[in-house]
Each structure stands twice: as structure tokens, then as C-alpha cells.
Amino acid sequence: MRRKKLGFALGAGGSRGVAHIGFLRAMEERGIRPDFIAGSSMGAVVGACYAAGISPARMHSAVRKLKFRDIASFQFAPFRKDGLLKMEKARKFLADLIGEKTFADLAIPFVCVATDLERGKTVVLDEGDLIDAALASASIPGVFSPAKIGNYAMLSDGGILERVPAEQVKNMGAEAIVAVDVLGNLMGKKVTGGLVNTFLRYIDIIDTRNTVLLRAQRPYVSLWLEPDLGGMDQYRVKNLEFAYKKGYETGKTHAEEILRLVEG
């Protein structure tokens, strides 16, 4: 019987996206390797590393003691630069981990999604500099300045419109699609006051509603997984080991089911 081509759609999630590393570690231990990967935001960062040949164990080692100051620093005159934080540290972190690579160098076919703020649509990035593309996908609006890649002058976080890029991995040729949504239903999060928290709550509401609608429109997804990360705040660089363990547990729990999808 012919083995189905397996695709992983790794979703957006900020610090909760470390769960993707645990999930991939569980897959690796069971001998499951995807034929295609599509990533959004933090899922793009993890997916890019994995597609470039970086093992989940090495990724885990690199992030387990990660601090905010290791990946971001404040802009000078941020309002004139369309973002509060600089991407230079994040880029150096990834370059030290995977080196300077293009999509053509990858061991596993990979794409990531970003949001074109000028045209208001999702853009698939699948060529050129790998790190630039992954960081464009992870450029949270208002936090990081929009990225410029090719003909696109304002690329921002892929999760704005496409939290879990299942359609994109299907278009790559995947026949068995496993979607990993590390955000899940954000309506269960505790609501707190303050300007920033109120704005983030607004984003969570829109994001959850949009993802529910998109999921209903994608019956071709073979398995939709949501690691149980409770109320972990995706905007804080903390509890990363917790996210890793929950992703690993999810992968271990569903490994046999994923094997059956591929073999069936």
C-alpha cells in the first residue's frame, strides 16, 4: 500500500509555540518525519529550523533558558519605525542556530505565511532567505516593524489571517495533514485591565473567531491537535519548558494515530 505524503501545519502562538518543538521531538522518537511543513508566526520559526535540519533536541536546548533580552530590544523612536522592538537579536539567534540558508537549502520542503498589510491578504513565502521569511511571519503588528521582502513592503505576522496554515501545506502536496494549534480557544484566558491587555484581548477574540471559521472550511485536515497549555500567556517569554512538555505529550498521545493516517 502506498504511503500517504504527510504534512505538518504548525500554527502561530508566540511563546506557546515552543510546544511545536516538543511535538516534533515526539514524532522523531516514533520515526515520523513529515514530507512537507507549513508554518505561521512561531510555527514558522520552529518549522524553518526543523526543515533546515535542526533537531528538536537542539532546538529545545537553545530555547529552554531563553529570555526576552536574548531576542528583542527596544527601538529608538518606535512610533516612527512602526514597531516597539528590533528584530536584530532574534535574527542573530536564528543565524547562530541554523546558519544563513535559503529555502532551496532545506532538507524538507517548507513554506511560511505572512500578512500583507497593504493588500490585506495572506502571502506564502517559499523562496529566498529563510530567516528573513520566518521573522516576517512572526512580526507581531505594533510590536515589530513590518518586514520588506521582494515586492512586499509591509509584511506582518502570518497569524493575523492564517493562524494554522493547513491550506498551504495541502497545496504543497500533503495528503495526510496534521494541524497543530498551540493557541486553541483563547476565550478561556483571564481578562485583565489596562490598555495593552485590552488591545491583546481584542486580538484574541478576533483570532479565535477567525480560526474557528477557517477550521470548519477545511475538512481535508486529517487531525487537528491542540496541546493543553491552559492560560499560558503567548506574549511572555516564560514557562517555555511547560510548553515543550505539553507539545511532547500531545505528540506521544497521537503518534500511532498519525502513523495510521500515513499508512491508511
Protein backbone atom coordinates (compact mmCIF):
# COMPACT_ATOMS: atom_id res chain seq x y z
CA MET A 1 0.00 0.00 0.00
CA ARG A 2 1.31 3.44 -0.95
CA ARG A 3 2.29 5.66 1.96
CA LYS A 4 0.44 8.98 2.02
CA LYS A 5 2.51 12.14 1.96
CA LEU A 6 2.43 13.72 5.40
CA GLY A 7 2.21 17.44 6.06
CA PHE A 8 2.51 19.36 9.32
CA ALA A 9 0.80 22.75 9.67
CA LEU A 10 2.45 24.46 12.64
CA GLY A 11 0.38 27.31 13.98
CA ALA A 12 1.04 30.73 15.45
CA GLY A 13 1.38 31.10 19.18
CA GLY A 14 4.20 33.28 20.49
CA SER A 15 5.95 31.60 23.41
CA ARG A 16 3.30 28.86 23.36
CA GLY A 17 4.83 27.85 20.02
CA VAL A 18 7.66 26.11 21.88
CA ALA A 19 5.11 23.29 22.13
CA HIS A 20 5.85 22.63 18.44
CA ILE A 21 9.38 21.62 19.41
CA GLY A 22 8.06 19.06 21.90
CA PHE A 23 5.61 17.74 19.32
CA LEU A 24 8.38 17.29 16.75
CA ARG A 25 10.54 15.53 19.34
CA ALA A 26 7.75 13.01 19.94
CA MET A 27 7.36 12.49 16.19
CA GLU A 28 11.09 11.94 15.81
CA GLU A 29 11.15 9.34 18.57
CA ARG A 30 8.41 7.39 16.76
CA GLY A 31 10.16 7.65 13.42
CA ILE A 32 7.58 10.01 11.91
CA ARG A 33 9.00 12.56 9.50
CA PRO A 34 6.83 14.96 7.51
CA ASP A 35 7.14 15.31 3.76
CA PHE A 36 6.06 18.96 3.94
CA ILE A 37 5.86 21.67 6.60
CA ALA A 38 3.98 24.98 6.61
CA GLY A 39 4.33 27.42 9.47
CA SER A 40 2.74 30.60 10.74
CA SER A 41 4.45 33.03 13.15
CA MET A 42 6.21 30.97 15.86
CA GLY A 43 5.22 27.86 13.91
CA ALA A 44 7.18 29.34 11.00
CA VAL A 45 10.26 29.84 13.16
CA VAL A 46 10.17 26.27 14.53
CA GLY A 47 9.25 24.84 11.12
CA ALA A 48 12.09 26.68 9.41
CA CYS A 49 14.61 25.33 11.92
CA TYR A 50 13.34 21.76 11.58
CA ALA A 51 13.22 21.90 7.78
CA ALA A 52 16.81 23.19 7.86
CA GLY A 53 17.90 20.05 9.68
CA ILE A 54 17.98 21.29 13.27
CA SER A 55 16.84 18.51 15.59
CA PRO A 56 14.10 19.11 18.17
CA ALA A 57 16.66 18.26 20.88
CA ARG A 58 18.97 21.03 19.69
CA MET A 59 16.07 23.49 19.41
CA HIS A 60 14.96 22.58 22.93
CA SER A 61 18.45 23.17 24.27
CA ALA A 62 18.59 26.56 22.55
CA VAL A 63 15.28 27.87 23.91
CA ARG A 64 14.94 26.30 27.35
CA LYS A 65 16.76 29.19 29.06
CA LEU A 66 15.74 31.87 26.59
CA LYS A 67 14.98 35.34 27.98
CA PHE A 68 13.27 38.33 26.41
CA ARG A 69 16.55 40.24 26.26
CA ASP A 70 18.08 37.44 24.16
CA ILE A 71 15.73 38.03 21.22
CA ALA A 72 14.49 41.61 21.36
CA SER A 73 15.49 45.16 22.22
CA PHE A 74 13.57 48.41 22.15
CA GLN A 75 13.61 50.69 19.12
CA PHE A 76 14.71 54.29 19.25
CA ALA A 77 11.67 56.42 18.30
CA PRO A 78 9.46 53.30 17.87
CA PHE A 79 6.39 55.13 16.57
CA ARG A 80 8.33 56.38 13.56
CA LYS A 81 9.51 52.83 12.86
CA ASP A 82 6.05 51.14 13.13
CA GLY A 83 7.12 48.87 15.98
CA LEU A 84 8.35 48.86 19.57
CA LEU A 85 11.07 46.24 19.21
CA LYS A 86 14.01 45.46 16.96
CA MET A 87 14.43 42.10 15.21
CA GLU A 88 18.26 42.11 15.12
CA LYS A 89 18.72 39.91 18.20
CA ALA A 90 16.12 37.41 17.02
CA ARG A 91 17.83 37.21 13.65
CA LYS A 92 21.24 36.64 15.21
CA PHE A 93 19.77 33.94 17.46
CA LEU A 94 18.40 32.07 14.44
CA ALA A 95 21.52 32.61 12.35
CA ASP A 96 23.66 31.14 15.13
CA LEU A 97 21.31 28.15 15.29
CA ILE A 98 20.78 27.31 11.63
CA GLY A 99 23.24 29.43 9.66
CA GLU A 100 22.40 31.53 6.63
CA LYS A 101 20.11 29.42 4.45
CA THR A 102 17.62 29.80 1.64
CA PHE A 103 14.52 27.73 1.01
CA ALA A 104 16.46 25.85 -1.66
CA ASP A 105 18.86 24.53 1.01
CA LEU A 106 16.19 22.78 3.09
CA ALA A 107 16.04 19.07 3.84
CA ILE A 108 12.22 19.18 3.99
CA PRO A 109 10.04 21.36 1.71
CA PHE A 110 8.79 24.29 3.78
CA VAL A 111 6.70 27.42 3.36
CA CYS A 112 5.55 30.07 5.78
CA VAL A 113 2.80 32.64 5.69
CA ALA A 114 2.82 36.36 6.39
CA THR A 115 0.14 39.02 6.16
CA ASP A 116 0.49 41.72 3.50
CA LEU A 117 -0.75 44.81 5.34
CA GLU A 118 -1.04 46.84 2.13
CA ARG A 119 -3.32 44.38 0.34
CA GLY A 120 -4.91 42.76 3.38
CA LYS A 121 -4.18 39.18 2.36
CA THR A 122 -2.09 36.17 3.24
CA VAL A 123 1.22 35.78 1.40
CA VAL A 124 3.06 32.48 1.05
CA LEU A 125 6.84 32.81 1.39
CA ASP A 126 8.72 29.94 -0.25
CA GLU A 127 11.92 31.32 -1.74
CA GLY A 128 14.89 33.45 -0.83
CA ASP A 129 16.34 34.00 2.64
CA LEU A 130 14.87 31.56 5.17
CA ILE A 131 15.41 33.59 8.34
CA ASP A 132 14.01 36.78 6.83
CA ALA A 133 10.86 34.90 5.80
CA ALA A 134 10.38 33.23 9.18
CA LEU A 135 10.83 36.52 11.03
CA ALA A 136 8.41 38.28 8.69
CA SER A 137 5.85 35.59 9.55
CA ALA A 138 6.47 36.24 13.26
CA SER A 139 6.39 40.06 13.14
CA ILE A 140 3.58 40.79 15.60
CA PRO A 141 1.91 44.05 14.47
CA GLY A 142 2.76 47.00 16.65
CA VAL A 143 5.48 45.03 18.42
CA PHE A 144 7.84 44.55 15.46
CA SER A 145 8.06 46.69 12.36
CA PRO A 146 6.60 45.18 9.18
CA ALA A 147 9.16 43.37 7.04
CA LYS A 148 10.18 44.14 3.47
CA ILE A 149 10.70 41.11 1.24
CA GLY A 150 10.78 41.24 -2.55
CA ASN A 151 7.83 43.23 -3.85
CA TYR A 152 6.18 43.27 -0.43
CA ALA A 153 6.86 46.40 1.61
CA MET A 154 4.72 45.66 4.68
CA LEU A 155 4.66 42.02 5.77
CA SER A 156 3.46 41.23 9.25
CA ASP A 157 2.52 38.24 11.41
CA GLY A 158 1.02 35.35 9.44
CA GLY A 159 -1.31 34.57 12.32
CA ILE A 160 -3.36 37.72 11.64
CA LEU A 161 -5.25 35.90 8.89
CA GLU A 162 -3.88 32.34 8.95
CA ARG A 163 -3.21 31.01 12.44
CA VAL A 164 -2.76 27.41 11.28
CA PRO A 165 -1.60 27.13 7.61
CA ALA A 166 -3.39 23.91 6.71
CA GLU A 167 -4.40 25.08 3.24
CA GLN A 168 -0.81 25.95 2.42
CA VAL A 169 0.57 22.52 3.37
CA LYS A 170 -2.22 20.88 1.37
CA ASN A 171 -1.21 22.94 -1.65
CA MET A 172 2.34 21.65 -1.23
CA GLY A 173 1.06 18.13 -1.89
CA ALA A 174 0.29 16.76 1.58
CA GLU A 175 -2.35 14.03 1.61
CA ALA A 176 -2.43 13.43 5.37
CA ILE A 177 -2.47 16.77 7.18
CA VAL A 178 -1.77 17.23 10.88
CA ALA A 179 -2.54 20.73 12.15
CA VAL A 180 -1.02 21.79 15.46
CA ASP A 181 -2.82 24.76 17.01
CA VAL A 182 -0.98 25.85 20.16
CA LEU A 183 -3.38 28.71 20.87
CA GLY A 184 -6.70 26.85 20.80
CA ASN A 185 -9.71 28.66 22.24
CA LEU A 186 -8.38 31.89 23.70
CA MET A 187 -11.73 32.78 25.24
CA GLY A 188 -10.77 30.86 28.36
CA LYS A 189 -7.96 33.26 29.22
CA LYS A 190 -8.35 35.51 32.24
CA VAL A 191 -9.36 39.04 31.28
CA THR A 192 -7.29 41.77 32.91
CA GLY A 193 -7.41 45.54 32.64
CA GLY A 194 -5.01 48.08 31.19
CA LEU A 195 -4.52 49.50 27.70
CA VAL A 196 -2.17 46.80 26.39
CA ASN A 197 -4.16 43.89 27.85
CA THR A 198 -7.40 45.31 26.46
CA PHE A 199 -5.86 45.53 22.99
CA LEU A 200 -4.47 41.99 23.23
CA ARG A 201 -7.86 40.71 24.33
CA TYR A 202 -9.36 42.26 21.21
CA ILE A 203 -6.80 40.39 19.08
CA ASP A 204 -7.55 37.12 20.89
CA ILE A 205 -11.28 37.41 20.23
CA ILE A 206 -10.87 38.12 16.51
CA ASP A 207 -8.17 35.45 16.15
CA THR A 208 -10.24 32.72 17.82
CA ARG A 209 -13.37 33.53 15.81
CA ASN A 210 -11.45 33.59 12.52
CA THR A 211 -9.71 30.28 13.27
CA VAL A 212 -12.97 28.54 14.16
CA LEU A 213 -14.47 29.64 10.85
CA LEU A 214 -11.43 28.60 8.82
CA ARG A 215 -11.25 25.21 10.53
CA ALA A 216 -14.85 24.50 9.57
CA GLN A 217 -13.97 25.24 5.95
CA ARG A 218 -11.10 22.74 5.89
CA PRO A 219 -12.47 19.21 6.17
CA TYR A 220 -9.34 17.89 4.48
CA VAL A 221 -7.36 18.31 7.73
CA SER A 222 -6.79 14.76 8.93
CA LEU A 223 -6.03 15.61 12.55
CA TRP A 224 -6.32 18.89 14.45
CA LEU A 225 -4.28 18.95 17.66
CA GLU A 226 -4.40 21.50 20.49
CA PRO A 227 -1.80 20.95 23.24
CA ASP A 228 -3.32 21.75 26.64
CA LEU A 229 -1.39 24.89 27.57
CA GLY A 230 -4.02 26.28 29.90
CA GLY A 231 -3.73 30.03 30.43
CA MET A 232 -0.09 30.34 29.37
CA ASP A 233 0.49 33.85 28.03
CA GLN A 234 1.82 33.73 24.47
CA TYR A 235 3.20 37.26 24.80
CA ARG A 236 5.64 36.48 27.63
CA VAL A 237 8.94 34.65 27.25
CA LYS A 238 8.39 32.35 30.21
CA ASN A 239 7.10 28.83 31.01
CA LEU A 240 8.86 27.58 27.88
CA GLU A 241 9.68 24.20 29.41
CA PHE A 242 5.99 23.75 30.27
CA ALA A 243 5.03 24.43 26.63
CA TYR A 244 7.66 21.98 25.39
CA LYS A 245 6.41 19.21 27.68
CA LYS A 246 2.77 19.74 26.68
CA GLY A 247 3.69 19.60 23.00
CA TYR A 248 5.67 16.43 23.62
CA GLU A 249 2.76 14.83 25.46
CA THR A 250 0.43 15.68 22.59
CA GLY A 251 2.79 14.13 20.10
CA LYS A 252 3.24 10.94 22.15
CA THR A 253 -0.52 10.59 22.60
CA HIS A 254 -1.27 10.87 18.88
CA ALA A 255 1.81 9.25 17.31
CA GLU A 256 0.11 5.95 16.49
CA GLU A 257 -2.90 7.75 15.04
CA ILE A 258 -0.63 9.77 12.79
CA LEU A 259 1.13 6.61 11.63
CA ARG A 260 -2.24 5.11 10.73
CA LEU A 261 -3.14 8.22 8.73
CA VAL A 262 0.03 7.87 6.69
CA GLU A 263 -0.25 4.15 6.18
CA GLY A 264 -4.01 4.01 5.61
